[in-house]
């Protein structure tokens, strides 16, 4: 049970990280254009 919640938190964290990095990447891309 505890490990399951840990996995959920990990997945959520990775998703948030990827989302933020993608946003930043698109921002820099539009700035260079």
Protein backbone atom coordinates (compact mmCIF):
# COMPACT_ATOMS: atom_id res chain seq x y z
CA UNK A 1 0.00 0.00 0.00
CA UNK A 2 2.73 2.46 0.96
CA UNK A 3 4.81 1.58 -2.09
CA UNK A 4 1.80 2.23 -4.32
CA UNK A 5 1.43 5.79 -3.05
CA UNK A 6 5.14 6.27 -3.53
CA UNK A 7 4.88 5.20 -7.17
CA UNK A 8 1.95 7.55 -7.70
CA UNK A 9 3.91 10.47 -6.26
CA UNK A 10 6.89 9.60 -8.41
CA UNK A 11 4.80 9.47 -11.57
CA UNK A 12 3.16 12.77 -10.69
CA UNK A 13 6.53 14.38 -10.10
CA UNK A 14 7.94 13.14 -13.40
CA UNK A 15 4.86 14.35 -15.25
CA UNK A 16 5.14 17.79 -13.68
CA UNK A 17 8.85 17.96 -14.47
CA UNK A 18 8.31 17.01 -18.11
CA UNK A 19 5.44 19.47 -18.43
CA UNK A 20 7.53 22.34 -17.05
CA UNK A 21 10.54 21.47 -19.21
CA UNK A 22 8.36 21.29 -22.30
CA UNK A 23 6.86 24.67 -21.53
CA UNK A 24 10.29 26.20 -21.01
CA UNK A 25 11.61 24.59 -24.18
CA UNK A 26 8.79 26.00 -26.32
CA UNK A 27 9.31 29.40 -24.71
CA UNK A 28 12.99 29.48 -25.61
CA UNK A 29 12.20 28.22 -29.10
CA UNK A 30 9.75 31.04 -29.75
CA UNK A 31 12.27 33.54 -28.37
CA UNK A 32 15.04 32.43 -30.72
CA UNK A 33 12.79 32.58 -33.77
